[in-house]
C-alpha atoms as a PDB file:
ATOM      1  CA  MET A   1     130.585 123.241  82.166  1.00  0.00           C
ATOM      2  CA  ILE A   2     127.508 125.149  83.258  1.00  0.00           C
ATOM      3  CA  LYS A   3     127.209 128.859  83.846  1.00  0.00           C
ATOM      4  CA  TYR A   4     126.562 129.491  87.519  1.00  0.00           C
ATOM      5  CA  GLU A   5     123.794 131.983  88.146  1.00  0.00           C
ATOM      6  CA  LEU A   6     123.610 131.787  91.946  1.00  0.00           C
ATOM      7  CA  PHE A   7     127.299 131.529  92.814  1.00  0.00           C
ATOM      8  CA  ASN A   8     130.186 133.743  91.707  1.00  0.00           C
ATOM      9  CA  LYS A   9     133.642 132.344  90.892  1.00  0.00           C
ATOM     10  CA  GLU A  10     135.065 133.058  94.324  1.00  0.00           C
ATOM     11  CA  GLU A  11     132.156 131.264  96.009  1.00  0.00           C
ATOM     12  CA  VAL A  12     132.490 128.282  93.670  1.00  0.00           C
ATOM     13  CA  ASP A  13     136.235 127.982  94.307  1.00  0.00           C
ATOM     14  CA  LYS A  14     135.845 128.252  98.086  1.00  0.00           C
ATOM     15  CA  THR A  15     133.005 125.735  98.052  1.00  0.00           C
ATOM     16  CA  LYS A  16     135.100 123.245  96.081  1.00  0.00           C
ATOM     17  CA  ASP A  17     137.978 123.560  98.545  1.00  0.00           C
ATOM     18  CA  LYS A  18     135.684 123.079 101.532  1.00  0.00           C
ATOM     19  CA  VAL A  19     133.766 120.103 100.182  1.00  0.00           C
ATOM     20  CA  ILE A  20     136.979 118.364  99.062  1.00  0.00           C
ATOM     21  CA  GLU A  21     138.387 118.750 102.572  1.00  0.00           C
ATOM     22  CA  THR A  22     135.152 117.504 104.174  1.00  0.00           C
ATOM     23  CA  VAL A  23     134.652 114.491 101.916  1.00  0.00           C
ATOM     24  CA  LYS A  24     138.257 113.331 102.288  1.00  0.00           C
ATOM     25  CA  GLU A  25     138.139 113.714 106.075  1.00  0.00           C
ATOM     26  CA  TRP A  26     134.868 111.781 106.331  1.00  0.00           C
ATOM     27  CA  HIS A  27     136.198 109.047 104.073  1.00  0.00           C
ATOM     28  CA  ASP A  28     139.573 108.643 105.766  1.00  0.00           C
ATOM     29  CA  ARG A  29     138.429 108.961 109.381  1.00  0.00           C
ATOM     30  CA  VAL A  30     135.022 107.276 109.399  1.00  0.00           C
ATOM     31  CA  HIS A  31     133.910 106.058 105.965  1.00  0.00           C
ATOM     32  CA  PRO A  32     130.269 106.385 107.086  1.00  0.00           C
ATOM     33  CA  ASP A  33     127.502 104.002 106.159  1.00  0.00           C
ATOM     34  CA  TYR A  34     124.833 106.635 106.821  1.00  0.00           C
ATOM     35  CA  VAL A  35     124.761 110.420 106.944  1.00  0.00           C
ATOM     36  CA  PHE A  36     121.871 112.188 108.669  1.00  0.00           C
ATOM     37  CA  VAL A  37     121.691 115.784 107.443  1.00  0.00           C
ATOM     38  CA  THR A  38     119.761 118.069 109.761  1.00  0.00           C
ATOM     39  CA  GLU A  39     116.671 119.600 108.163  1.00  0.00           C
ATOM     40  CA  THR A  40     117.924 123.142 108.679  1.00  0.00           C
ATOM     41  CA  SER A  41     119.957 125.417 106.441  1.00  0.00           C
ATOM     42  CA  GLY A  42     122.413 122.529 106.290  1.00  0.00           C
ATOM     43  CA  MET A  43     120.198 120.458 104.016  1.00  0.00           C
ATOM     44  CA  PRO A  44     121.457 121.942 100.690  1.00  0.00           C
ATOM     45  CA  HIS A  45     125.024 121.142 101.763  1.00  0.00           C
ATOM     46  CA  GLY A  46     124.024 117.473 101.826  1.00  0.00           C
ATOM     47  CA  PHE A  47     123.395 117.469  98.072  1.00  0.00           C
ATOM     48  CA  LEU A  48     126.813 119.040  97.544  1.00  0.00           C
ATOM     49  CA  ILE A  49     128.657 116.500  99.713  1.00  0.00           C
ATOM     50  CA  LYS A  50     126.839 113.512  98.220  1.00  0.00           C
ATOM     51  CA  ALA A  51     127.624 114.566  94.650  1.00  0.00           C
ATOM     52  CA  ALA A  52     131.290 115.150  95.477  1.00  0.00           C
ATOM     53  CA  TRP A  53     131.646 111.797  97.236  1.00  0.00           C
ATOM     54  CA  LYS A  54     130.318 109.799  94.279  1.00  0.00           C
ATOM     55  CA  LYS A  55     132.840 111.373  91.903  1.00  0.00           C
ATOM     56  CA  ALA A  56     135.760 111.238  94.318  1.00  0.00           C
ATOM     57  CA  TYR A  57     135.340 107.531  95.103  1.00  0.00           C
ATOM     58  CA  PRO A  58     133.531 106.041  92.071  1.00  0.00           C
ATOM     59  CA  ASN A  59     134.561 102.456  92.838  1.00  0.00           C
ATOM     60  CA  GLU A  60     133.369 102.483  96.440  1.00  0.00           C
ATOM     61  CA  LYS A  61     129.889 102.225  97.892  1.00  0.00           C
ATOM     62  CA  PRO A  62     128.843 105.735  98.969  1.00  0.00           C
ATOM     63  CA  PRO A  63     127.110 106.450 102.283  1.00  0.00           C
ATOM     64  CA  ILE A  64     123.319 106.646 102.304  1.00  0.00           C
ATOM     65  CA  PHE A  65     122.083 110.177 103.015  1.00  0.00           C
ATOM     66  CA  TYR A  66     118.951 110.959 105.034  1.00  0.00           C
ATOM     67  CA  ARG A  67     117.477 114.222 106.179  1.00  0.00           C
ATOM     68  CA  ILE A  68     115.955 114.661 109.635  1.00  0.00           C
ATOM     69  CA  ASN A  69     114.348 117.597 111.402  1.00  0.00           C
ATOM     70  CA  PRO A  70     115.845 118.046 114.913  1.00  0.00           C
ATOM     71  CA  ALA A  71     112.948 120.261 116.009  1.00  0.00           C
ATOM     72  CA  ALA A  72     110.523 117.374 115.523  1.00  0.00           C
ATOM     73  CA  ILE A  73     112.420 115.296 118.075  1.00  0.00           C
ATOM     74  CA  ILE A  74     110.672 115.825 121.399  1.00  0.00           C
ATOM     75  CA  PRO A  75     111.941 113.332 124.014  1.00  0.00           C
ATOM     76  CA  ARG A  76     109.334 111.407 125.972  1.00  0.00           C
ATOM     77  CA  SER A  77     106.515 112.834 123.869  1.00  0.00           C
ATOM     78  CA  LYS A  78     103.709 110.737 122.404  1.00  0.00           C
ATOM     79  CA  PHE A  79     105.433 111.111 119.037  1.00  0.00           C
ATOM     80  CA  GLN A  80     108.675 109.467 120.190  1.00  0.00           C
ATOM     81  CA  PRO A  81     107.656 106.011 118.870  1.00  0.00           C
ATOM     82  CA  LYS A  82     107.320 107.488 115.376  1.00  0.00           C
ATOM     83  CA  ILE A  83     110.780 109.059 115.632  1.00  0.00           C
ATOM     84  CA  ASP A  84     112.209 105.717 116.802  1.00  0.00           C
ATOM     85  CA  GLU A  85     110.544 103.886 113.927  1.00  0.00           C
ATOM     86  CA  PHE A  86     111.774 106.461 111.401  1.00  0.00           C
ATOM     87  CA  ILE A  87     115.383 105.989 112.536  1.00  0.00           C
ATOM     88  CA  ALA A  88     115.257 102.205 113.027  1.00  0.00           C
ATOM     89  CA  ARG A  89     113.954 101.631 109.497  1.00  0.00           C
ATOM     90  CA  ARG A  90     116.933 103.489 108.063  1.00  0.00           C
ATOM     91  CA  ILE A  91     119.734 101.767 109.929  1.00  0.00           C
ATOM     92  CA  LYS A  92     119.982  98.451 108.097  1.00  0.00           C
ATOM     93  CA  LYS A  93     123.523  97.455 108.974  1.00  0.00           C
ATOM     94  CA  ASP A  94     125.214  96.099 112.111  1.00  0.00           C
ATOM     95  CA  ASN A  95     127.987  98.240 113.611  1.00  0.00           C
ATOM     96  CA  ALA A  96     127.073 101.104 111.299  1.00  0.00           C
ATOM     97  CA  SER A  97     129.220 104.211 111.175  1.00  0.00           C
ATOM     98  CA  ILE A  98     126.926 107.228 111.260  1.00  0.00           C
ATOM     99  CA  ILE A  99     127.661 110.912 110.719  1.00  0.00           C
ATOM    100  CA  ILE A 100     125.211 113.632 111.714  1.00  0.00           C
ATOM    101  CA  TYR A 101     125.868 116.800 109.729  1.00  0.00           C
ATOM    102  CA  ASP A 102     124.851 120.370 110.478  1.00  0.00           C
ATOM    103  CA  GLU A 103     126.281 123.499 108.892  1.00  0.00           C
ATOM    104  CA  HIS A 104     126.243 125.542 112.111  1.00  0.00           C
ATOM    105  CA  ARG A 105     129.613 126.205 113.827  1.00  0.00           C
ATOM    106  CA  SER A 106     132.424 123.687 113.256  1.00  0.00           C
ATOM    107  CA  GLY A 107     133.884 120.450 114.575  1.00  0.00           C
ATOM    108  CA  PHE A 108     134.199 116.733 113.888  1.00  0.00           C
ATOM    109  CA  TYR A 109     134.123 114.257 116.778  1.00  0.00           C
ATOM    110  CA  GLN A 110     132.675 110.987 118.023  1.00  0.00           C
ATOM    111  CA  VAL A 111     129.721 111.109 120.415  1.00  0.00           C
ATOM    112  CA  TYR A 112     128.652 107.463 120.685  1.00  0.00           C
ATOM    113  CA  GLY A 113     130.486 104.162 120.582  1.00  0.00           C
ATOM    114  CA  LYS A 114     130.435 100.678 122.107  1.00  0.00           C
ATOM    115  CA  GLY A 115     126.857 101.260 123.206  1.00  0.00           C
ATOM    116  CA  THR A 116     127.715 104.348 125.258  1.00  0.00           C
ATOM    117  CA  MET A 117     127.069 108.056 124.791  1.00  0.00           C
ATOM    118  CA  LEU A 118     130.492 109.673 125.092  1.00  0.00           C
ATOM    119  CA  VAL A 119     129.844 113.378 124.844  1.00  0.00           C
ATOM    120  CA  ASP A 120     127.928 113.674 128.132  1.00  0.00           C
ATOM    121  CA  LYS A 121     130.860 112.395 130.212  1.00  0.00           C
ATOM    122  CA  PRO A 122     132.851 115.179 131.985  1.00  0.00           C
ATOM    123  CA  ASP A 123     136.184 113.494 131.214  1.00  0.00           C
ATOM    124  CA  ASN A 124     135.461 113.541 127.472  1.00  0.00           C
ATOM    125  CA  PRO A 125     137.274 116.350 125.567  1.00  0.00           C
ATOM    126  CA  ASN A 126     134.023 117.139 123.752  1.00  0.00           C
ATOM    127  CA  TYR A 127     131.915 117.268 126.923  1.00  0.00           C
ATOM    128  CA  ASN A 128     129.106 119.810 126.679  1.00  0.00           C
ATOM    129  CA  PRO A 129     126.350 120.051 129.326  1.00  0.00           C
ATOM    130  CA  HIS A 130     124.104 121.820 126.801  1.00  0.00           C
ATOM    131  CA  TYR A 131     124.680 119.220 124.096  1.00  0.00           C
ATOM    132  CA  SER A 132     121.172 117.771 124.275  1.00  0.00           C
ATOM    133  CA  ASN A 133     119.666 121.126 123.247  1.00  0.00           C
ATOM    134  CA  SER A 134     121.624 121.415 120.004  1.00  0.00           C
ATOM    135  CA  SER A 135     120.350 120.217 116.625  1.00  0.00           C
ATOM    136  CA  VAL A 136     123.048 117.576 116.236  1.00  0.00           C
ATOM    137  CA  GLY A 137     122.691 116.592 119.899  1.00  0.00           C
ATOM    138  CA  LYS A 138     118.989 115.876 119.567  1.00  0.00           C
ATOM    139  CA  VAL A 139     119.554 113.669 116.543  1.00  0.00           C
ATOM    140  CA  ALA A 140     122.496 111.819 118.116  1.00  0.00           C
ATOM    141  CA  ILE A 141     120.540 111.139 121.306  1.00  0.00           C
ATOM    142  CA  ALA A 142     117.557 109.927 119.273  1.00  0.00           C
ATOM    143  CA  ILE A 143     119.709 107.496 117.260  1.00  0.00           C
ATOM    144  CA  ALA A 144     121.497 106.262 120.391  1.00  0.00           C
ATOM    145  CA  GLY A 145     118.092 105.821 122.032  1.00  0.00           C
ATOM    146  CA  VAL A 146     116.959 103.517 119.237  1.00  0.00           C
ATOM    147  CA  TYR A 147     119.926 101.267 120.011  1.00  0.00           C
ATOM    148  CA  GLU A 148     119.547 101.461 123.783  1.00  0.00           C
ATOM    149  CA  LYS A 149     115.776 100.849 123.771  1.00  0.00           C
ATOM    150  CA  LYS A 150     116.277  97.863 121.452  1.00  0.00           C
ATOM    151  CA  LYS A 151     114.053  99.414 118.800  1.00  0.00           C
ATOM    152  CA  THR A 152     116.342  97.815 116.250  1.00  0.00           C
ATOM    153  CA  LYS A 153     117.968  94.390 116.163  1.00  0.00           C
ATOM    154  CA  LYS A 154     121.110  95.865 114.654  1.00  0.00           C
ATOM    155  CA  THR A 155     124.304  95.906 116.716  1.00  0.00           C
ATOM    156  CA  PRO A 156     125.112  99.478 117.880  1.00  0.00           C
ATOM    157  CA  GLY A 157     127.716 101.269 115.825  1.00  0.00           C
ATOM    158  CA  ASP A 158     129.551 104.580 116.124  1.00  0.00           C
ATOM    159  CA  ILE A 159     128.000 108.034 115.847  1.00  0.00           C
ATOM    160  CA  PHE A 160     130.008 111.082 114.815  1.00  0.00           C
ATOM    161  CA  ILE A 161     129.160 114.768 114.604  1.00  0.00           C
ATOM    162  CA  SER A 162     130.372 116.904 111.719  1.00  0.00           C
ATOM    163  CA  LYS A 163     129.606 120.606 111.869  1.00  0.00           C
ATOM    164  CA  GLY A 164     130.569 123.454 109.599  1.00  0.00           C
ATOM    165  CA  SER A 165     129.496 125.048 106.337  1.00  0.00           C
ATOM    166  CA  VAL A 166     130.942 123.411 103.223  1.00  0.00           C
ATOM    167  CA  ALA A 167     129.464 125.923 100.792  1.00  0.00           C
ATOM    168  CA  GLU A 168     129.737 129.667 100.217  1.00  0.00           C
ATOM    169  CA  GLY A 169     126.858 131.745  98.905  1.00  0.00           C
ATOM    170  CA  LYS A 170     124.217 134.146 100.184  1.00  0.00           C
ATOM    171  CA  CYS A 171     121.421 132.198  98.483  1.00  0.00           C
ATOM    172  CA  LEU A 172     122.079 129.242 100.800  1.00  0.00           C
ATOM    173  CA  TYR A 173     120.493 131.135 103.674  1.00  0.00           C
ATOM    174  CA  ASP A 174     117.707 132.814 101.729  1.00  0.00           C
ATOM    175  CA  PRO A 175     114.403 131.201 102.812  1.00  0.00           C
ATOM    176  CA  GLU A 176     113.008 131.695  99.304  1.00  0.00           C
ATOM    177  CA  TYR A 177     115.449 129.077  98.001  1.00  0.00           C
ATOM    178  CA  LYS A 178     114.491 126.353 100.483  1.00  0.00           C
ATOM    179  CA  SER A 179     113.393 123.084  98.885  1.00  0.00           C
ATOM    180  CA  THR A 180     111.638 121.882 102.046  1.00  0.00           C
ATOM    181  CA  SER A 181     109.568 123.768 104.588  1.00  0.00           C
ATOM    182  CA  LYS A 182     108.876 123.443 108.290  1.00  0.00           C
ATOM    183  CA  LEU A 183     107.362 125.724 110.901  1.00  0.00           C
ATOM    184  CA  TYR A 184     109.590 124.756 113.822  1.00  0.00           C
ATOM    185  CA  HIS A 185     112.208 127.444 114.507  1.00  0.00           C
ATOM    186  CA  SER A 186     111.586 128.990 111.097  1.00  0.00           C
ATOM    187  CA  MET A 187     110.723 132.391 112.527  1.00  0.00           C
ATOM    188  CA  ALA A 188     114.324 132.880 113.638  1.00  0.00           C
ATOM    189  CA  ARG A 189     115.488 132.808 110.015  1.00  0.00           C
ATOM    190  CA  GLY A 190     112.400 134.117 108.308  1.00  0.00           C
ATOM    191  CA  LEU A 191     109.565 132.215 106.659  1.00  0.00           C
ATOM    192  CA  SER A 192     109.689 131.214 103.025  1.00  0.00           C
ATOM    193  CA  GLU A 193     106.790 131.744 100.618  1.00  0.00           C
ATOM    194  CA  ASP A 194     105.659 128.177 101.127  1.00  0.00           C
ATOM    195  CA  GLU A 195     105.787 128.477 104.907  1.00  0.00           C
ATOM    196  CA  ARG A 196     103.851 131.740 104.851  1.00  0.00           C
ATOM    197  CA  GLU A 197     101.192 130.153 102.657  1.00  0.00           C
ATOM    198  CA  TYR A 198     100.932 127.165 104.969  1.00  0.00           C
ATOM    199  CA  ALA A 199     100.699 129.367 108.066  1.00  0.00           C
ATOM    200  CA  SER A 200      97.912 131.429 106.509  1.00  0.00           C
ATOM    201  CA  ASP A 201      95.923 128.315 105.547  1.00  0.00           C
ATOM    202  CA  ASN A 202      96.346 126.461 108.839  1.00  0.00           C
ATOM    203  CA  GLN A 203      95.592 127.778 112.301  1.00  0.00           C
ATOM    204  CA  ASN A 204      97.344 124.887 114.018  1.00  0.00           C
ATOM    205  CA  PRO A 205     101.030 124.101 113.410  1.00  0.00           C
ATOM    206  CA  ARG A 206     101.901 120.714 112.017  1.00  0.00           C
ATOM    207  CA  LEU A 207     102.566 117.918 114.443  1.00  0.00           C
ATOM    208  CA  PRO A 208     106.113 116.540 114.850  1.00  0.00           C
ATOM    209  CA  GLU A 209     105.060 113.246 113.261  1.00  0.00           C
ATOM    210  CA  GLU A 210     104.277 115.152 110.059  1.00  0.00           C
ATOM    211  CA  ASP A 211     107.536 117.052 110.076  1.00  0.00           C
ATOM    212  CA  ILE A 212     110.304 114.503 110.634  1.00  0.00           C
ATOM    213  CA  ARG A 213     111.922 115.346 107.313  1.00  0.00           C
ATOM    214  CA  GLY A 214     110.278 118.635 106.431  1.00  0.00           C
ATOM    215  CA  ARG A 215     107.659 119.112 103.737  1.00  0.00           C
ATOM    216  CA  ILE A 216     108.583 119.451 100.054  1.00  0.00           C
ATOM    217  CA  VAL A 217     107.607 122.963  98.987  1.00  0.00           C
ATOM    218  CA  LYS A 218     104.561 123.384  96.754  1.00  0.00           C
ATOM    219  CA  ASN A 219     104.830 127.030  95.749  1.00  0.00           C
ATOM    220  CA  PRO A 220     105.854 126.717  92.065  1.00  0.00           C
ATOM    221  CA  GLU A 221     108.138 129.765  92.021  1.00  0.00           C
ATOM    222  CA  GLN A 222     109.928 128.851  95.215  1.00  0.00           C
ATOM    223  CA  ARG A 223     110.232 125.252  94.065  1.00  0.00           C
ATOM    224  CA  LYS A 224     111.793 126.409  90.801  1.00  0.00           C
ATOM    225  CA  ARG A 225     114.360 128.498  92.681  1.00  0.00           C
ATOM    226  CA  ALA A 226     115.116 125.624  95.077  1.00  0.00           C
ATOM    227  CA  ILE A 227     115.652 123.156  92.236  1.00  0.00           C
ATOM    228  CA  GLY A 228     117.986 125.659  90.567  1.00  0.00           C
ATOM    229  CA  LEU A 229     120.029 125.984  93.769  1.00  0.00           C
ATOM    230  CA  ILE A 230     120.317 122.220  94.245  1.00  0.00           C
ATOM    231  CA  LYS A 231     121.253 121.749  90.579  1.00  0.00           C
ATOM    232  CA  GLU A 232     124.159 124.185  90.889  1.00  0.00           C
ATOM    233  CA  LEU A 233     125.320 122.692  94.198  1.00  0.00           C
ATOM    234  CA  LYS A 234     125.334 119.197  92.697  1.00  0.00           C
ATOM    235  CA  HIS A 235     127.372 120.439  89.758  1.00  0.00           C
ATOM    236  CA  ILE A 236     129.905 122.114  92.044  1.00  0.00           C
ATOM    237  CA  GLY A 237     130.053 118.896  94.034  1.00  0.00           C
ATOM    238  CA  ARG A 238     130.694 116.772  90.959  1.00  0.00           C
ATOM    239  CA  GLU A 239     133.481 119.083  89.787  1.00  0.00           C
ATOM    240  CA  ALA A 240     135.054 119.053  93.259  1.00  0.00           C
ATOM    241  CA  GLY A 241     134.771 115.273  93.452  1.00  0.00           C
ATOM    242  CA  GLU A 242     136.467 114.855  90.088  1.00  0.00           C
ATOM    243  CA  GLU A 243     139.315 117.111  91.244  1.00  0.00           C
ATOM    244  CA  LEU A 244     139.759 115.053  94.406  1.00  0.00           C
ATOM    245  CA  HIS A 245     139.634 111.798  92.444  1.00  0.00           C
ATOM    246  CA  LYS A 246     142.422 112.998  90.130  1.00  0.00           C
ATOM    247  CA  LYS A 247     144.565 114.003  93.111  1.00  0.00           C
ATOM    248  CA  LEU A 248     144.037 110.613  94.732  1.00  0.00           C
ATOM    249  CA  GLN A 249     144.946 108.817  91.493  1.00  0.00           C
ATOM    250  CA  ILE A 250     148.194 110.789  91.247  1.00  0.00           C
ATOM    251  CA  VAL A 251     149.060 109.841  94.842  1.00  0.00           C
ATOM    252  CA  LYS A 252     148.402 106.157  94.059  1.00  0.00           C
ATOM    253  CA  LEU A 253     150.590 106.311  90.948  1.00  0.00           C
ATOM    254  CA  ARG A 254     153.463 107.905  92.862  1.00  0.00           C
ATOM    255  CA  ARG A 255     153.278 105.203  95.523  1.00  0.00           C
ATOM    256  CA  LYS A 256     153.411 102.484  92.868  1.00  0.00           C
ATOM    257  CA  LEU A 257     156.481 104.109  91.302  1.00  0.00           C
ATOM    258  CA  GLU A 258     158.164 104.364  94.702  1.00  0.00           C
ATOM    259  CA  ILE A 259     157.521 100.660  95.385  1.00  0.00           C
ATOM    260  CA  ALA A 260     158.772  99.681  91.935  1.00  0.00           C
END
């Protein structure tokens, strides 16, 4: 057992409870093939969820996790073909179940299925006229567009949105602990050391095609802090996953005894 330096006991316990709930819900409701984590403050949560899943369901194939920057998705721009290619290359299965995760707000619902976008229909309970402007909305529309524009030969699957923080800790929202950097929308949350260095060295912002997943930080001190944060999140995730696995094993044993 490691000594946590970035999270106190209360934060660790709350994080374990949240990630256990999230992983079990994803598994039981969707069992996703792919998870696209938005390249925002939600990215560290992806490491946590992935680590927990592997320990909770060790005998099952885990979903493949990708990160994607919603701010780089500019519909009908000259960079759209690169976005389409980026997504198409990552969906390698027919009828894939896809979850798009973002830590902002909360909710878990389907937005695309049977080749149709569901969330933009007024009779849908999750209808939102401003959906296309949200981080998860941009990614969902981009993935659906790849199917609809036949940019992939794969049969369209289902797309789900999962929103809500699964980790507790002030360091999660400290820009100095970010493992990747981007300039889009960063000013709203403050620039990290790496982003400030980039901005001072470059007069022109990076193009969307260069920023689909964010840029791995180069500042050695910031990188060290980011690696430390991810290491602790992975460890919390593994501990949470082991707890969930034990609970699931007990449930299985009880069912066997009931049948016997």
